[in-house]
Amino acid sequence: MLLRATLLALKHIHNGDLPARAPGILALLRDLAQSQSGLEQIEAFLRYFAAGSDKVTGADLERAVEEVFPEQGDAIMPTVYEKWVQKGLKEGRQEGRQEGRQQGLLEGLELALDIKFGMAGLSLLPELRDIKELSRLEAVKQALKTAHTPDEVRRIYQGA
């Protein structure tokens, strides 16, 4: 049954009929719900449905779970939602830290460019702000220590 559910999930993940098909696919997994590893398999299917298709919503999945697992649905969905929320929070914190480091580095580069090269150095800022990779900004920071002109700095982040 697990193989059949997997194949059906793969078949319908990009079709508009996944919300209607999800209860039937999950029904194939009903016997698995009796064990912890089975619940983990069901959660994996729900994550796959949610991440792999923009045609299925959380509400669609919740309805499918409640339909197929009337007694266990209340236990399955909160666990899945909690994992999704925790993952979203973690990714959000990581993105926030990345943006904070990038912003701090850009502010430091602005000061260094102003002190070392004046307006000519500050003219590099619009290009530097477009750089999203911290490693490239770090390379610019290192290059500023020995660069004699703004063009030398530009060659660092343009890869020349």
Protein backbone atom coordinates (compact mmCIF):
# COMPACT_ATOMS: atom_id res chain seq x y z
CA MET A 1 0.00 0.00 0.00
CA LEU A 2 2.86 2.36 0.75
CA LEU A 3 4.25 1.91 -2.75
CA ARG A 4 0.86 2.52 -4.33
CA ALA A 5 0.32 5.65 -2.23
CA THR A 6 3.76 6.88 -3.21
CA LEU A 7 3.15 6.33 -6.90
CA LEU A 8 -0.23 8.06 -6.74
CA ALA A 9 1.32 10.99 -4.90
CA LEU A 10 3.98 11.31 -7.58
CA LYS A 11 1.35 11.07 -10.31
CA HIS A 12 -0.98 13.73 -8.91
CA ILE A 13 1.37 16.18 -7.19
CA HIS A 14 1.34 18.64 -10.11
CA ASN A 15 -2.25 18.09 -11.18
CA GLY A 16 -5.11 20.32 -10.17
CA ASP A 17 -6.91 17.28 -8.81
CA LEU A 18 -4.56 16.68 -5.86
CA PRO A 19 -6.96 18.21 -3.29
CA ALA A 20 -9.63 15.73 -4.42
CA ARG A 21 -7.20 12.80 -4.65
CA ALA A 22 -5.43 13.37 -1.31
CA PRO A 23 -8.07 11.59 0.82
CA GLY A 24 -7.87 8.48 -1.39
CA ILE A 25 -4.09 8.46 -1.25
CA LEU A 26 -4.08 8.95 2.51
CA ALA A 27 -6.69 6.20 2.89
CA LEU A 28 -4.12 3.76 1.54
CA LEU A 29 -1.99 4.68 4.56
CA ARG A 30 -4.75 4.17 7.13
CA ASP A 31 -3.22 0.97 8.55
CA LEU A 32 0.11 2.74 9.03
CA ALA A 33 -1.46 5.20 11.46
CA GLN A 34 -1.34 2.61 14.23
CA SER A 35 2.43 2.95 14.70
CA GLN A 36 4.78 5.87 15.28
CA SER A 37 6.76 5.14 12.11
CA GLY A 38 3.49 4.97 10.21
CA LEU A 39 2.48 8.40 11.46
CA GLU A 40 5.86 9.68 10.35
CA GLN A 41 5.18 8.27 6.87
CA ILE A 42 1.81 10.03 6.78
CA GLU A 43 3.46 13.27 7.89
CA ALA A 44 6.02 12.83 5.10
CA PHE A 45 3.20 12.54 2.56
CA LEU A 46 1.51 15.64 3.94
CA ARG A 47 4.78 17.60 3.77
CA TYR A 48 5.30 16.38 0.21
CA PHE A 49 1.79 17.44 -0.79
CA ALA A 50 2.22 20.87 0.81
CA ALA A 51 5.70 21.55 -0.54
CA GLY A 52 5.32 19.93 -3.93
CA SER A 53 2.09 21.48 -5.10
CA ASP A 54 0.70 24.97 -5.15
CA LYS A 55 -2.74 23.49 -5.85
CA VAL A 56 -3.30 22.08 -2.37
CA THR A 57 -3.79 24.19 0.75
CA GLY A 58 -3.36 23.45 4.42
CA ALA A 59 -7.15 23.40 4.70
CA ASP A 60 -7.35 20.81 1.90
CA LEU A 61 -4.90 18.59 3.75
CA GLU A 62 -6.67 19.06 7.05
CA ARG A 63 -10.00 18.02 5.47
CA ALA A 64 -8.37 14.98 3.89
CA VAL A 65 -6.82 13.90 7.19
CA GLU A 66 -10.07 14.39 9.10
CA GLU A 67 -11.95 12.42 6.46
CA VAL A 68 -9.54 9.49 6.39
CA PHE A 69 -8.46 9.48 10.05
CA PRO A 70 -11.50 10.68 12.02
CA GLU A 71 -10.09 9.52 15.38
CA GLN A 72 -6.42 10.35 14.79
CA GLY A 73 -6.77 13.46 12.62
CA ASP A 74 -6.61 15.75 15.62
CA ALA A 75 -3.28 14.17 16.60
CA ILE A 76 -1.75 14.10 13.11
CA MET A 77 -2.39 17.63 11.89
CA PRO A 78 -1.11 19.57 14.92
CA THR A 79 2.15 17.65 14.75
CA VAL A 80 2.54 18.46 11.05
CA TYR A 81 1.57 22.10 11.58
CA GLU A 82 4.00 22.45 14.47
CA LYS A 83 6.82 21.11 12.35
CA TRP A 84 5.94 23.47 9.48
CA VAL A 85 5.73 26.45 11.83
CA GLN A 86 9.05 25.58 13.49
CA LYS A 87 10.70 25.16 10.11
CA GLY A 88 9.30 28.49 8.94
CA LEU A 89 10.49 30.24 12.08
CA LYS A 90 13.96 28.75 11.75
CA GLU A 91 14.24 29.76 8.11
CA GLY A 92 13.00 33.25 8.96
CA ARG A 93 15.58 33.64 11.72
CA GLN A 94 18.34 32.45 9.38
CA GLU A 95 17.27 34.91 6.69
CA GLY A 96 17.10 37.70 9.26
CA ARG A 97 20.61 36.96 10.50
CA GLN A 98 21.91 36.85 6.93
CA GLU A 99 20.29 40.20 6.13
CA GLY A 100 21.62 41.71 9.36
CA ARG A 101 25.18 40.59 8.61
CA GLN A 102 24.87 41.88 5.06
CA GLN A 103 23.55 45.24 6.23
CA GLY A 104 26.30 45.59 8.84
CA LEU A 105 28.97 44.70 6.32
CA LEU A 106 27.59 47.21 3.83
CA GLU A 107 27.62 49.94 6.47
CA GLY A 108 31.24 49.14 7.30
CA LEU A 109 32.18 49.14 3.62
CA GLU A 110 30.48 52.50 3.16
CA LEU A 111 32.54 54.01 5.95
CA ALA A 112 35.78 52.46 4.68
CA LEU A 113 35.13 53.55 1.08
CA ASP A 114 34.35 57.09 2.22
CA ILE A 115 37.46 57.35 4.39
CA LYS A 116 39.82 55.78 1.84
CA PHE A 117 38.49 57.10 -1.47
CA GLY A 118 35.86 59.79 -0.71
CA MET A 119 33.08 60.26 -3.26
CA ALA A 120 34.83 58.04 -5.79
CA GLY A 121 34.68 55.15 -3.31
CA LEU A 122 31.08 55.86 -2.37
CA SER A 123 30.14 55.56 -6.04
CA LEU A 124 30.64 51.78 -5.65
CA LEU A 125 27.85 51.46 -3.08
CA PRO A 126 24.92 50.91 -5.49
CA GLU A 127 26.78 47.96 -7.03
CA LEU A 128 27.80 46.61 -3.64
CA ARG A 129 24.20 46.74 -2.38
CA ASP A 130 23.19 44.42 -5.23
CA ILE A 131 25.61 41.73 -3.98
CA LYS A 132 23.76 39.13 -1.89
CA GLU A 133 26.64 36.74 -1.20
CA LEU A 134 28.38 37.55 2.06
CA SER A 135 31.60 35.94 0.83
CA ARG A 136 31.89 38.49 -1.98
CA LEU A 137 31.30 41.37 0.41
CA GLU A 138 33.91 39.91 2.76
CA ALA A 139 36.34 39.78 -0.17
CA VAL A 140 35.70 43.48 -0.81
CA LYS A 141 36.36 44.22 2.85
CA GLN A 142 39.70 42.42 2.65
CA ALA A 143 40.59 44.10 -0.65
CA LEU A 144 40.01 47.55 0.85
CA LYS A 145 43.05 47.05 3.06
CA THR A 146 45.44 47.02 0.12
CA ALA A 147 43.50 48.61 -2.76
CA HIS A 148 44.84 51.89 -4.11
CA THR A 149 41.83 52.85 -6.26
CA PRO A 150 38.08 52.20 -6.36
CA ASP A 151 38.64 50.29 -9.62
CA GLU A 152 40.84 47.78 -7.80
CA VAL A 153 37.98 47.19 -5.38
CA ARG A 154 35.47 46.88 -8.23
CA ARG A 155 37.61 44.19 -9.89
CA ILE A 156 37.36 42.11 -6.69
CA TYR A 157 33.57 41.89 -6.64
CA GLN A 158 33.21 41.70 -10.41
CA GLY A 159 35.54 38.72 -10.45
CA ALA A 160 38.15 40.24 -12.75
